[in-house]
Each structure stands twice: as C-alpha cells, then as structure tokens.
Full PDB file with SEQRES, HELIX, SHEET, SSBOND, CRYST1, ORIGX, SCALE, CONECT and MASTER records, all heavy atoms in Angstrom:
SEQRES   1 A   42  GLN GLN LEU LYS ALA ILE ALA VAL ASP ASN GLY LEU ASN          
SEQRES   2 A   42  VAL THR HIS GLU ALA SER VAL HIS PHE ASP SER ASP LEU          
SEQRES   3 A   42  PRO GLU PHE LYS THR ASP GLY GLY VAL HIS LYS HIS ASN          
SEQRES   4 A   42  ASP GLY CYS                                                  
HELIX    1 AA1 PHE A   22  ASP A   25  1                                   4    
HELIX    2 AA2 PRO A   27  PHE A   29  5                                   3    
SHEET    1 AA1 2 GLN A   2  VAL A   8  0                                        
SHEET    2 AA1 2 VAL A  14  HIS A  21 -1                                        
CRYST1    1.000    1.000    1.000  90.00  90.00  90.00 P 1           1          
ORIGX1      1.000000  0.000000  0.000000        0.00000                         
ORIGX2      0.000000  1.000000  0.000000        0.00000                         
ORIGX3      0.000000  0.000000  1.000000        0.00000                         
SCALE1      1.000000  0.000000  0.000000        0.00000                         
SCALE2      0.000000  1.000000  0.000000        0.00000                         
SCALE3      0.000000  0.000000  1.000000        0.00000                         
ATOM      1  N   GLN A   1       2.409  -0.681  -4.205  1.00  0.00           N  
ATOM      2  CA  GLN A   1       2.714  -1.636  -3.152  1.00  0.00           C  
ATOM      3  C   GLN A   1       1.916  -1.450  -1.873  1.00  0.00           C  
ATOM      4  O   GLN A   1       1.910  -2.341  -1.021  1.00  0.00           O  
ATOM      5  CB  GLN A   1       4.206  -1.575  -2.812  1.00  0.00           C  
ATOM      6  CG  GLN A   1       5.097  -1.910  -3.999  1.00  0.00           C  
ATOM      7  CD  GLN A   1       6.557  -2.025  -3.614  1.00  0.00           C  
ATOM      8  OE1 GLN A   1       6.906  -2.695  -2.650  1.00  0.00           O  
ATOM      9  NE2 GLN A   1       7.421  -1.368  -4.362  1.00  0.00           N  
ATOM     10  N   GLN A   2       1.227  -0.317  -1.720  1.00  0.00           N  
ATOM     11  CA  GLN A   2       0.527  -0.087  -0.463  1.00  0.00           C  
ATOM     12  C   GLN A   2      -0.587   0.933  -0.638  1.00  0.00           C  
ATOM     13  O   GLN A   2      -0.649   1.658  -1.631  1.00  0.00           O  
ATOM     14  CB  GLN A   2       1.504   0.411   0.612  1.00  0.00           C  
ATOM     15  CG  GLN A   2       2.073   1.789   0.327  1.00  0.00           C  
ATOM     16  CD  GLN A   2       2.936   2.337   1.446  1.00  0.00           C  
ATOM     17  OE1 GLN A   2       2.775   1.975   2.609  1.00  0.00           O  
ATOM     18  NE2 GLN A   2       3.864   3.216   1.113  1.00  0.00           N  
ATOM     19  N   LEU A   3      -1.471   0.964   0.354  1.00  0.00           N  
ATOM     20  CA  LEU A   3      -2.454   2.035   0.504  1.00  0.00           C  
ATOM     21  C   LEU A   3      -2.093   2.789   1.769  1.00  0.00           C  
ATOM     22  O   LEU A   3      -1.966   2.189   2.841  1.00  0.00           O  
ATOM     23  CB  LEU A   3      -3.879   1.482   0.618  1.00  0.00           C  
ATOM     24  CG  LEU A   3      -4.970   2.506   0.937  1.00  0.00           C  
ATOM     25  CD1 LEU A   3      -5.081   3.570  -0.145  1.00  0.00           C  
ATOM     26  CD2 LEU A   3      -6.325   1.822   1.143  1.00  0.00           C  
ATOM     27  N   LYS A   4      -1.910   4.094   1.630  1.00  0.00           N  
ATOM     28  CA  LYS A   4      -1.495   4.901   2.767  1.00  0.00           C  
ATOM     29  C   LYS A   4      -2.502   6.007   3.003  1.00  0.00           C  
ATOM     30  O   LYS A   4      -3.124   6.520   2.061  1.00  0.00           O  
ATOM     31  CB  LYS A   4      -0.113   5.508   2.514  1.00  0.00           C  
ATOM     32  CG  LYS A   4       0.446   6.266   3.709  1.00  0.00           C  
ATOM     33  CD  LYS A   4       1.958   6.381   3.644  1.00  0.00           C  
ATOM     34  CE  LYS A   4       2.504   6.824   5.002  1.00  0.00           C  
ATOM     35  NZ  LYS A   4       3.949   6.693   5.089  1.00  0.00           N  
ATOM     36  N   ALA A   5      -2.663   6.392   4.264  1.00  0.00           N  
ATOM     37  CA  ALA A   5      -3.537   7.509   4.638  1.00  0.00           C  
ATOM     38  C   ALA A   5      -2.766   8.457   5.539  1.00  0.00           C  
ATOM     39  O   ALA A   5      -2.010   8.014   6.416  1.00  0.00           O  
ATOM     40  CB  ALA A   5      -4.781   7.008   5.359  1.00  0.00           C  
ATOM     41  N   ILE A   6      -2.940   9.749   5.323  1.00  0.00           N  
ATOM     42  CA  ILE A   6      -2.321  10.783   6.152  1.00  0.00           C  
ATOM     43  C   ILE A   6      -3.379  11.803   6.528  1.00  0.00           C  
ATOM     44  O   ILE A   6      -4.160  12.240   5.671  1.00  0.00           O  
ATOM     45  CB  ILE A   6      -1.162  11.481   5.411  1.00  0.00           C  
ATOM     46  CG1 ILE A   6       0.072  10.572   5.362  1.00  0.00           C  
ATOM     47  CG2 ILE A   6      -0.795  12.807   6.065  1.00  0.00           C  
ATOM     48  CD1 ILE A   6       1.265  11.198   4.667  1.00  0.00           C  
ATOM     49  N   ALA A   7      -3.406  12.182   7.799  1.00  0.00           N  
ATOM     50  CA  ALA A   7      -4.293  13.242   8.280  1.00  0.00           C  
ATOM     51  C   ALA A   7      -3.453  14.451   8.657  1.00  0.00           C  
ATOM     52  O   ALA A   7      -2.388  14.311   9.280  1.00  0.00           O  
ATOM     53  CB  ALA A   7      -5.091  12.766   9.490  1.00  0.00           C  
ATOM     54  N   VAL A   8      -3.917  15.639   8.243  1.00  0.00           N  
ATOM     55  CA  VAL A   8      -3.252  16.877   8.649  1.00  0.00           C  
ATOM     56  C   VAL A   8      -4.268  17.778   9.331  1.00  0.00           C  
ATOM     57  O   VAL A   8      -5.473  17.696   9.071  1.00  0.00           O  
ATOM     58  CB  VAL A   8      -2.622  17.616   7.442  1.00  0.00           C  
ATOM     59  CG1 VAL A   8      -1.599  16.739   6.748  1.00  0.00           C  
ATOM     60  CG2 VAL A   8      -3.684  18.094   6.455  1.00  0.00           C  
ATOM     61  N   ASP A   9      -3.770  18.637  10.215  1.00  0.00           N  
ATOM     62  CA  ASP A   9      -4.651  19.585  10.882  1.00  0.00           C  
ATOM     63  C   ASP A   9      -4.795  20.847  10.024  1.00  0.00           C  
ATOM     64  O   ASP A   9      -4.272  20.901   8.898  1.00  0.00           O  
ATOM     65  CB  ASP A   9      -4.148  19.904  12.296  1.00  0.00           C  
ATOM     66  CG  ASP A   9      -2.761  20.533  12.318  1.00  0.00           C  
ATOM     67  OD1 ASP A   9      -2.325  21.088  11.277  1.00  0.00           O  
ATOM     68  OD2 ASP A   9      -2.090  20.479  13.373  1.00  0.00           O  
ATOM     69  N   ASN A  10      -5.450  21.827  10.558  1.00  0.00           N  
ATOM     70  CA  ASN A  10      -5.724  23.039   9.777  1.00  0.00           C  
ATOM     71  C   ASN A  10      -4.459  23.799   9.423  1.00  0.00           C  
ATOM     72  O   ASN A  10      -4.426  24.571   8.460  1.00  0.00           O  
ATOM     73  CB  ASN A  10      -6.697  23.951  10.536  1.00  0.00           C  
ATOM     74  CG  ASN A  10      -7.458  24.872   9.613  1.00  0.00           C  
ATOM     75  OD1 ASN A  10      -7.805  24.504   8.492  1.00  0.00           O  
ATOM     76  ND2 ASN A  10      -7.712  26.091  10.075  1.00  0.00           N  
ATOM     77  N   GLY A  11      -3.375  23.562  10.183  1.00  0.00           N  
ATOM     78  CA  GLY A  11      -2.085  24.179   9.886  1.00  0.00           C  
ATOM     79  C   GLY A  11      -1.206  23.313   9.019  1.00  0.00           C  
ATOM     80  O   GLY A  11      -0.023  23.604   8.838  1.00  0.00           O  
ATOM     81  N   LEU A  12      -1.779  22.213   8.484  1.00  0.00           N  
ATOM     82  CA  LEU A  12      -1.099  21.277   7.579  1.00  0.00           C  
ATOM     83  C   LEU A  12       0.004  20.481   8.257  1.00  0.00           C  
ATOM     84  O   LEU A  12       0.936  20.004   7.602  1.00  0.00           O  
ATOM     85  CB  LEU A  12      -0.555  22.005   6.343  1.00  0.00           C  
ATOM     86  CG  LEU A  12      -1.598  22.781   5.521  1.00  0.00           C  
ATOM     87  CD1 LEU A  12      -0.955  23.425   4.307  1.00  0.00           C  
ATOM     88  CD2 LEU A  12      -2.726  21.869   5.080  1.00  0.00           C  
ATOM     89  N   ASN A  13      -0.096  20.315   9.561  1.00  0.00           N  
ATOM     90  CA  ASN A  13       0.816  19.436  10.286  1.00  0.00           C  
ATOM     91  C   ASN A  13       0.255  18.022  10.290  1.00  0.00           C  
ATOM     92  O   ASN A  13      -0.941  17.825  10.524  1.00  0.00           O  
ATOM     93  CB  ASN A  13       0.985  19.916  11.736  1.00  0.00           C  
ATOM     94  CG  ASN A  13       1.491  21.340  11.810  1.00  0.00           C  
ATOM     95  OD1 ASN A  13       2.612  21.617  11.391  1.00  0.00           O  
ATOM     96  ND2 ASN A  13       0.669  22.246  12.335  1.00  0.00           N  
ATOM     97  N   VAL A  14       1.090  17.031  10.042  1.00  0.00           N  
ATOM     98  CA  VAL A  14       0.644  15.642  10.028  1.00  0.00           C  
ATOM     99  C   VAL A  14       0.313  15.203  11.452  1.00  0.00           C  
ATOM    100  O   VAL A  14       1.125  15.360  12.372  1.00  0.00           O  
ATOM    101  CB  VAL A  14       1.728  14.724   9.426  1.00  0.00           C  
ATOM    102  CG1 VAL A  14       1.301  13.262   9.524  1.00  0.00           C  
ATOM    103  CG2 VAL A  14       1.998  15.098   7.968  1.00  0.00           C  
ATOM    104  N   THR A  15      -0.890  14.665  11.632  1.00  0.00           N  
ATOM    105  CA  THR A  15      -1.319  14.211  12.962  1.00  0.00           C  
ATOM    106  C   THR A  15      -1.430  12.700  13.068  1.00  0.00           C  
ATOM    107  O   THR A  15      -1.193  12.133  14.131  1.00  0.00           O  
ATOM    108  CB  THR A  15      -2.681  14.833  13.331  1.00  0.00           C  
ATOM    109  OG1 THR A  15      -3.684  14.387  12.397  1.00  0.00           O  
ATOM    110  CG2 THR A  15      -2.604  16.356  13.313  1.00  0.00           C  
ATOM    111  N   HIS A  16      -1.813  12.039  11.982  1.00  0.00           N  
ATOM    112  CA  HIS A  16      -1.978  10.586  11.999  1.00  0.00           C  
ATOM    113  C   HIS A  16      -1.570   9.998  10.649  1.00  0.00           C  
ATOM    114  O   HIS A  16      -1.755  10.631   9.604  1.00  0.00           O  
ATOM    115  CB  HIS A  16      -3.437  10.188  12.281  1.00  0.00           C  
ATOM    116  CG  HIS A  16      -3.909  10.511  13.667  1.00  0.00           C  
ATOM    117  ND1 HIS A  16      -4.295  11.786  14.040  1.00  0.00           N  
ATOM    118  CD2 HIS A  16      -4.062   9.722  14.768  1.00  0.00           C  
ATOM    119  CE1 HIS A  16      -4.666  11.766  15.314  1.00  0.00           C  
ATOM    120  NE2 HIS A  16      -4.543  10.528  15.771  1.00  0.00           N  
ATOM    121  N   GLU A  17      -1.039   8.778  10.681  1.00  0.00           N  
ATOM    122  CA  GLU A  17      -0.709   8.034   9.469  1.00  0.00           C  
ATOM    123  C   GLU A  17      -1.069   6.571   9.673  1.00  0.00           C  
ATOM    124  O   GLU A  17      -1.006   6.049  10.786  1.00  0.00           O  
ATOM    125  CB  GLU A  17       0.791   8.119   9.147  1.00  0.00           C  
ATOM    126  CG  GLU A  17       1.319   9.497   8.843  1.00  0.00           C  
ATOM    127  CD  GLU A  17       2.793   9.475   8.473  1.00  0.00           C  
ATOM    128  OE1 GLU A  17       3.186   8.612   7.655  1.00  0.00           O  
ATOM    129  OE2 GLU A  17       3.558  10.305   9.015  1.00  0.00           O  
ATOM    130  N   ALA A  18      -1.433   5.917   8.591  1.00  0.00           N  
ATOM    131  CA  ALA A  18      -1.669   4.470   8.620  1.00  0.00           C  
ATOM    132  C   ALA A  18      -1.424   3.929   7.216  1.00  0.00           C  
ATOM    133  O   ALA A  18      -1.594   4.653   6.220  1.00  0.00           O  
ATOM    134  CB  ALA A  18      -3.093   4.148   9.083  1.00  0.00           C  
ATOM    135  N   SER A  19      -1.024   2.678   7.142  1.00  0.00           N  
ATOM    136  CA  SER A  19      -0.768   2.094   5.824  1.00  0.00           C  
ATOM    137  C   SER A  19      -1.061   0.599   5.838  1.00  0.00           C  
ATOM    138  O   SER A  19      -1.076  -0.040   6.893  1.00  0.00           O  
ATOM    139  CB  SER A  19       0.678   2.344   5.395  1.00  0.00           C  
ATOM    140  OG  SER A  19       1.595   1.733   6.290  1.00  0.00           O  
ATOM    141  N   VAL A  20      -1.284   0.075   4.647  1.00  0.00           N  
ATOM    142  CA  VAL A  20      -1.494  -1.357   4.432  1.00  0.00           C  
ATOM    143  C   VAL A  20      -0.574  -1.771   3.290  1.00  0.00           C  
ATOM    144  O   VAL A  20      -0.661  -1.235   2.179  1.00  0.00           O  
ATOM    145  CB  VAL A  20      -2.961  -1.665   4.059  1.00  0.00           C  
ATOM    146  CG1 VAL A  20      -3.120  -3.141   3.705  1.00  0.00           C  
ATOM    147  CG2 VAL A  20      -3.890  -1.290   5.201  1.00  0.00           C  
ATOM    148  N   HIS A  21       0.320  -2.713   3.573  1.00  0.00           N  
ATOM    149  CA  HIS A  21       1.246  -3.219   2.560  1.00  0.00           C  
ATOM    150  C   HIS A  21       0.647  -4.491   1.961  1.00  0.00           C  
ATOM    151  O   HIS A  21       0.373  -5.460   2.676  1.00  0.00           O  
ATOM    152  CB  HIS A  21       2.617  -3.482   3.175  1.00  0.00           C  
ATOM    153  CG  HIS A  21       3.309  -2.226   3.624  1.00  0.00           C  
ATOM    154  ND1 HIS A  21       4.248  -1.577   2.856  1.00  0.00           N  
ATOM    155  CD2 HIS A  21       3.163  -1.495   4.756  1.00  0.00           C  
ATOM    156  CE1 HIS A  21       4.659  -0.500   3.503  1.00  0.00           C  
ATOM    157  NE2 HIS A  21       4.024  -0.420   4.651  1.00  0.00           N  
ATOM    158  N   PHE A  22       0.450  -4.471   0.665  1.00  0.00           N  
ATOM    159  CA  PHE A  22      -0.319  -5.521   0.018  1.00  0.00           C  
ATOM    160  C   PHE A  22       0.305  -6.904   0.188  1.00  0.00           C  
ATOM    161  O   PHE A  22      -0.383  -7.868   0.530  1.00  0.00           O  
ATOM    162  CB  PHE A  22      -0.509  -5.204  -1.465  1.00  0.00           C  
ATOM    163  CG  PHE A  22      -1.197  -3.892  -1.716  1.00  0.00           C  
ATOM    164  CD1 PHE A  22      -0.799  -3.063  -2.752  1.00  0.00           C  
ATOM    165  CD2 PHE A  22      -2.248  -3.467  -0.915  1.00  0.00           C  
ATOM    166  CE1 PHE A  22      -1.426  -1.847  -2.991  1.00  0.00           C  
ATOM    167  CE2 PHE A  22      -2.888  -2.255  -1.133  1.00  0.00           C  
ATOM    168  CZ  PHE A  22      -2.470  -1.446  -2.175  1.00  0.00           C  
ATOM    169  N   ASP A  23       1.595  -7.029  -0.051  1.00  0.00           N  
ATOM    170  CA  ASP A  23       2.219  -8.355   0.008  1.00  0.00           C  
ATOM    171  C   ASP A  23       2.129  -8.967   1.406  1.00  0.00           C  
ATOM    172  O   ASP A  23       1.804 -10.154   1.559  1.00  0.00           O  
ATOM    173  CB  ASP A  23       3.697  -8.271  -0.400  1.00  0.00           C  
ATOM    174  CG  ASP A  23       3.889  -7.953  -1.870  1.00  0.00           C  
ATOM    175  OD1 ASP A  23       2.892  -7.828  -2.592  1.00  0.00           O  
ATOM    176  OD2 ASP A  23       5.056  -7.820  -2.294  1.00  0.00           O  
ATOM    177  N   SER A  24       2.433  -8.176   2.427  1.00  0.00           N  
ATOM    178  CA  SER A  24       2.504  -8.711   3.789  1.00  0.00           C  
ATOM    179  C   SER A  24       1.165  -8.677   4.523  1.00  0.00           C  
ATOM    180  O   SER A  24       0.852  -9.605   5.294  1.00  0.00           O  
ATOM    181  CB  SER A  24       3.549  -7.940   4.601  1.00  0.00           C  
ATOM    182  OG  SER A  24       3.254  -6.551   4.623  1.00  0.00           O  
ATOM    183  N   ASP A  25       0.353  -7.656   4.290  1.00  0.00           N  
ATOM    184  CA  ASP A  25      -0.903  -7.526   5.026  1.00  0.00           C  
ATOM    185  C   ASP A  25      -2.063  -8.263   4.364  1.00  0.00           C  
ATOM    186  O   ASP A  25      -3.053  -8.590   5.030  1.00  0.00           O  
ATOM    187  CB  ASP A  25      -1.280  -6.053   5.188  1.00  0.00           C  
ATOM    188  CG  ASP A  25      -0.361  -5.320   6.165  1.00  0.00           C  
ATOM    189  OD1 ASP A  25       0.057  -5.953   7.153  1.00  0.00           O  
ATOM    190  OD2 ASP A  25      -0.067  -4.138   5.934  1.00  0.00           O  
ATOM    191  N   LEU A  26      -1.943  -8.509   3.068  1.00  0.00           N  
ATOM    192  CA  LEU A  26      -3.002  -9.216   2.338  1.00  0.00           C  
ATOM    193  C   LEU A  26      -2.386 -10.361   1.519  1.00  0.00           C  
ATOM    194  O   LEU A  26      -2.473 -10.392   0.287  1.00  0.00           O  
ATOM    195  CB  LEU A  26      -3.756  -8.233   1.436  1.00  0.00           C  
ATOM    196  CG  LEU A  26      -4.546  -7.147   2.182  1.00  0.00           C  
ATOM    197  CD1 LEU A  26      -4.936  -6.016   1.236  1.00  0.00           C  
ATOM    198  CD2 LEU A  26      -5.783  -7.731   2.850  1.00  0.00           C  
ATOM    199  N   PRO A  27      -1.747 -11.314   2.213  1.00  0.00           N  
ATOM    200  CA  PRO A  27      -0.992 -12.366   1.513  1.00  0.00           C  
ATOM    201  C   PRO A  27      -1.866 -13.304   0.686  1.00  0.00           C  
ATOM    202  O   PRO A  27      -1.364 -13.989  -0.208  1.00  0.00           O  
ATOM    203  CB  PRO A  27      -0.304 -13.123   2.654  1.00  0.00           C  
ATOM    204  CG  PRO A  27      -1.183 -12.881   3.849  1.00  0.00           C  
ATOM    205  CD  PRO A  27      -1.689 -11.489   3.678  1.00  0.00           C  
ATOM    206  N   GLU A  28      -3.176 -13.319   0.950  1.00  0.00           N  
ATOM    207  CA  GLU A  28      -4.056 -14.222   0.210  1.00  0.00           C  
ATOM    208  C   GLU A  28      -4.105 -13.886  -1.281  1.00  0.00           C  
ATOM    209  O   GLU A  28      -4.475 -14.744  -2.101  1.00  0.00           O  
ATOM    210  CB  GLU A  28      -5.473 -14.195   0.803  1.00  0.00           C  
ATOM    211  CG  GLU A  28      -6.217 -12.878   0.710  1.00  0.00           C  
ATOM    212  CD  GLU A  28      -6.044 -11.984   1.941  1.00  0.00           C  
ATOM    213  OE1 GLU A  28      -4.960 -12.057   2.564  1.00  0.00           O  
ATOM    214  OE2 GLU A  28      -6.981 -11.232   2.271  1.00  0.00           O  
ATOM    215  N   PHE A  29      -3.708 -12.668  -1.651  1.00  0.00           N  
ATOM    216  CA  PHE A  29      -3.736 -12.287  -3.070  1.00  0.00           C  
ATOM    217  C   PHE A  29      -2.448 -12.646  -3.808  1.00  0.00           C  
ATOM    218  O   PHE A  29      -2.370 -12.493  -5.028  1.00  0.00           O  
ATOM    219  CB  PHE A  29      -4.035 -10.796  -3.196  1.00  0.00           C  
ATOM    220  CG  PHE A  29      -5.428 -10.438  -2.764  1.00  0.00           C  
ATOM    221  CD1 PHE A  29      -5.670  -9.908  -1.500  1.00  0.00           C  
ATOM    222  CD2 PHE A  29      -6.511 -10.659  -3.599  1.00  0.00           C  
ATOM    223  CE1 PHE A  29      -6.959  -9.591  -1.087  1.00  0.00           C  
ATOM    224  CE2 PHE A  29      -7.802 -10.348  -3.199  1.00  0.00           C  
ATOM    225  CZ  PHE A  29      -8.027  -9.821  -1.938  1.00  0.00           C  
ATOM    226  N   LYS A  30      -1.442 -13.096  -3.050  1.00  0.00           N  
ATOM    227  CA  LYS A  30      -0.200 -13.636  -3.633  1.00  0.00           C  
ATOM    228  C   LYS A  30       0.448 -12.671  -4.629  1.00  0.00           C  
ATOM    229  O   LYS A  30       0.876 -13.057  -5.712  1.00  0.00           O  
ATOM    230  CB  LYS A  30      -0.472 -14.983  -4.299  1.00  0.00           C  
ATOM    231  CG  LYS A  30      -1.006 -16.037  -3.322  1.00  0.00           C  
ATOM    232  CD  LYS A  30      -1.282 -17.368  -4.009  1.00  0.00           C  
ATOM    233  CE  LYS A  30      -1.812 -18.386  -3.011  1.00  0.00           C  
ATOM    234  NZ  LYS A  30      -2.143 -19.688  -3.649  1.00  0.00           N  
ATOM    235  N   THR A  31       0.516 -11.418  -4.238  1.00  0.00           N  
ATOM    236  CA  THR A  31       1.181 -10.432  -5.091  1.00  0.00           C  
ATOM    237  C   THR A  31       2.666 -10.359  -4.762  1.00  0.00           C  
ATOM    238  O   THR A  31       3.099 -10.702  -3.660  1.00  0.00           O  
ATOM    239  CB  THR A  31       0.555  -9.041  -4.914  1.00  0.00           C  
ATOM    240  OG1 THR A  31       0.595  -8.672  -3.520  1.00  0.00           O  
ATOM    241  CG2 THR A  31      -0.869  -9.022  -5.415  1.00  0.00           C  
ATOM    242  N   ASP A  32       3.431  -9.899  -5.699  1.00  0.00           N  
ATOM    243  CA  ASP A  32       4.858  -9.647  -5.523  1.00  0.00           C  
ATOM    244  C   ASP A  32       5.091  -8.187  -5.861  1.00  0.00           C  
ATOM    245  O   ASP A  32       4.965  -7.788  -7.010  1.00  0.00           O  
ATOM    246  CB  ASP A  32       5.671 -10.557  -6.447  1.00  0.00           C  
ATOM    247  CG  ASP A  32       7.175 -10.372  -6.271  1.00  0.00           C  
ATOM    248  OD1 ASP A  32       7.581  -9.620  -5.359  1.00  0.00           O  
ATOM    249  OD2 ASP A  32       7.947 -10.975  -7.041  1.00  0.00           O  
ATOM    250  N   GLY A  33       5.396  -7.390  -4.828  1.00  0.00           N  
ATOM    251  CA  GLY A  33       5.492  -5.951  -5.048  1.00  0.00           C  
ATOM    252  C   GLY A  33       4.148  -5.336  -5.359  1.00  0.00           C  
ATOM    253  O   GLY A  33       4.065  -4.286  -6.008  1.00  0.00           O  
ATOM    254  N   GLY A  34       3.067  -5.983  -4.908  1.00  0.00           N  
ATOM    255  CA  GLY A  34       1.720  -5.465  -5.122  1.00  0.00           C  
ATOM    256  C   GLY A  34       1.119  -5.826  -6.458  1.00  0.00           C  
ATOM    257  O   GLY A  34       0.022  -5.363  -6.785  1.00  0.00           O  
ATOM    258  N   VAL A  35       1.789  -6.669  -7.246  1.00  0.00           N  
ATOM    259  CA  VAL A  35       1.313  -6.951  -8.606  1.00  0.00           C  
ATOM    260  C   VAL A  35       1.393  -8.442  -8.919  1.00  0.00           C  
ATOM    261  O   VAL A  35       2.055  -9.213  -8.228  1.00  0.00           O  
ATOM    262  CB  VAL A  35       2.131  -6.166  -9.662  1.00  0.00           C  
ATOM    263  CG1 VAL A  35       2.131  -4.688  -9.338  1.00  0.00           C  
ATOM    264  CG2 VAL A  35       3.562  -6.679  -9.765  1.00  0.00           C  
ATOM    265  N   HIS A  36       0.711  -8.809  -9.987  1.00  0.00           N  
ATOM    266  CA  HIS A  36       0.839 -10.131 -10.593  1.00  0.00           C  
ATOM    267  C   HIS A  36       1.568  -9.974 -11.923  1.00  0.00           C  
ATOM    268  O   HIS A  36       1.112  -9.231 -12.799  1.00  0.00           O  
ATOM    269  CB  HIS A  36      -0.539 -10.753 -10.837  1.00  0.00           C  
ATOM    270  CG  HIS A  36      -1.256 -11.158  -9.582  1.00  0.00           C  
ATOM    271  ND1 HIS A  36      -2.631 -11.175  -9.472  1.00  0.00           N  
ATOM    272  CD2 HIS A  36      -0.792 -11.541  -8.360  1.00  0.00           C  
ATOM    273  CE1 HIS A  36      -2.978 -11.575  -8.266  1.00  0.00           C  
ATOM    274  NE2 HIS A  36      -1.882 -11.792  -7.565  1.00  0.00           N  
ATOM    275  N   LYS A  37       2.702 -10.625 -12.040  1.00  0.00           N  
ATOM    276  CA  LYS A  37       3.451 -10.621 -13.300  1.00  0.00           C  
ATOM    277  C   LYS A  37       3.089 -11.868 -14.074  1.00  0.00           C  
ATOM    278  O   LYS A  37       3.231 -12.988 -13.570  1.00  0.00           O  
ATOM    279  CB  LYS A  37       4.953 -10.580 -13.031  1.00  0.00           C  
ATOM    280  CG  LYS A  37       5.798 -10.561 -14.303  1.00  0.00           C  
ATOM    281  CD  LYS A  37       7.287 -10.498 -13.972  1.00  0.00           C  
ATOM    282  CE  LYS A  37       8.133 -10.492 -15.239  1.00  0.00           C  
ATOM    283  NZ  LYS A  37       9.588 -10.401 -14.936  1.00  0.00           N  
ATOM    284  N   HIS A  38       2.630 -11.716 -15.302  1.00  0.00           N  
ATOM    285  CA  HIS A  38       2.161 -12.841 -16.098  1.00  0.00           C  
ATOM    286  C   HIS A  38       3.311 -13.483 -16.873  1.00  0.00           C  
ATOM    287  O   HIS A  38       4.394 -12.916 -17.019  1.00  0.00           O  
ATOM    288  CB  HIS A  38       1.036 -12.382 -17.028  1.00  0.00           C  
ATOM    289  CG  HIS A  38      -0.192 -11.932 -16.289  1.00  0.00           C  
ATOM    290  ND1 HIS A  38      -1.429 -12.505 -16.450  1.00  0.00           N  
ATOM    291  CD2 HIS A  38      -0.369 -10.964 -15.348  1.00  0.00           C  
ATOM    292  CE1 HIS A  38      -2.316 -11.910 -15.661  1.00  0.00           C  
ATOM    293  NE2 HIS A  38      -1.685 -10.964 -14.985  1.00  0.00           N  
ATOM    294  N   ASN A  39       3.056 -14.674 -17.374  1.00  0.00           N  
ATOM    295  CA  ASN A  39       4.110 -15.479 -17.984  1.00  0.00           C  
ATOM    296  C   ASN A  39       4.733 -14.844 -19.221  1.00  0.00           C  
ATOM    297  O   ASN A  39       5.870 -15.160 -19.578  1.00  0.00           O  
ATOM    298  CB  ASN A  39       3.577 -16.872 -18.335  1.00  0.00           C  
ATOM    299  CG  ASN A  39       3.257 -17.702 -17.099  1.00  0.00           C  
ATOM    300  OD1 ASN A  39       3.856 -17.481 -16.039  1.00  0.00           O  
ATOM    301  ND2 ASN A  39       2.323 -18.628 -17.212  1.00  0.00           N  
ATOM    302  N   ASP A  40       3.994 -13.970 -19.891  1.00  0.00           N  
ATOM    303  CA  ASP A  40       4.550 -13.369 -21.106  1.00  0.00           C  
ATOM    304  C   ASP A  40       5.604 -12.307 -20.804  1.00  0.00           C  
ATOM    305  O   ASP A  40       6.283 -11.808 -21.713  1.00  0.00           O  
ATOM    306  CB  ASP A  40       3.442 -12.781 -21.982  1.00  0.00           C  
ATOM    307  CG  ASP A  40       2.677 -11.654 -21.293  1.00  0.00           C  
ATOM    308  OD1 ASP A  40       3.027 -11.275 -20.163  1.00  0.00           O  
ATOM    309  OD2 ASP A  40       1.709 -11.148 -21.892  1.00  0.00           O  
ATOM    310  N   GLY A  41       5.746 -11.948 -19.520  1.00  0.00           N  
ATOM    311  CA  GLY A  41       6.769 -10.995 -19.122  1.00  0.00           C  
ATOM    312  C   GLY A  41       6.422  -9.545 -19.361  1.00  0.00           C  
ATOM    313  O   GLY A  41       7.171  -8.653 -18.949  1.00  0.00           O  
ATOM    314  N   CYS A  42       5.302  -9.274 -20.011  1.00  0.00           N  
ATOM    315  CA  CYS A  42       4.940  -7.875 -20.285  1.00  0.00           C  
ATOM    316  C   CYS A  42       3.538  -7.522 -19.801  1.00  0.00           C  
ATOM    317  O   CYS A  42       3.130  -6.367 -19.903  1.00  0.00           O  
ATOM    318  CB  CYS A  42       5.089  -7.564 -21.771  1.00  0.00           C  
ATOM    319  SG  CYS A  42       4.129  -8.606 -22.871  1.00  0.00           S  
TER     320      CYS A  42                                                      
MASTER        0    0    0    2    2    0    0    6  319    1    0    4          
END                                                                             
C-alpha cells in the first residue's frame, strides 16, 4: 500500500521518515489498497 523511507543515525535512532500512500498520493493509477483486482477474483 505504500513506499516508506526511514533514516537512522550511527546509534540506530530514527531521525527522519517519509512515505507515499499509493491510493491517495498517486490516484491516477486507480488502485484499491495499492493493487488492481481483476474480474476473475484471483
């Protein structure tokens, strides 16, 4: 459903995060939950 990035410092503490949610941030691809479900159901 998303692409996420996390940065940690040398002590493994999280310093930065960012994410892109496919359905809401890239609506032109018309995904549902990040996917295309085809008519055959499988």
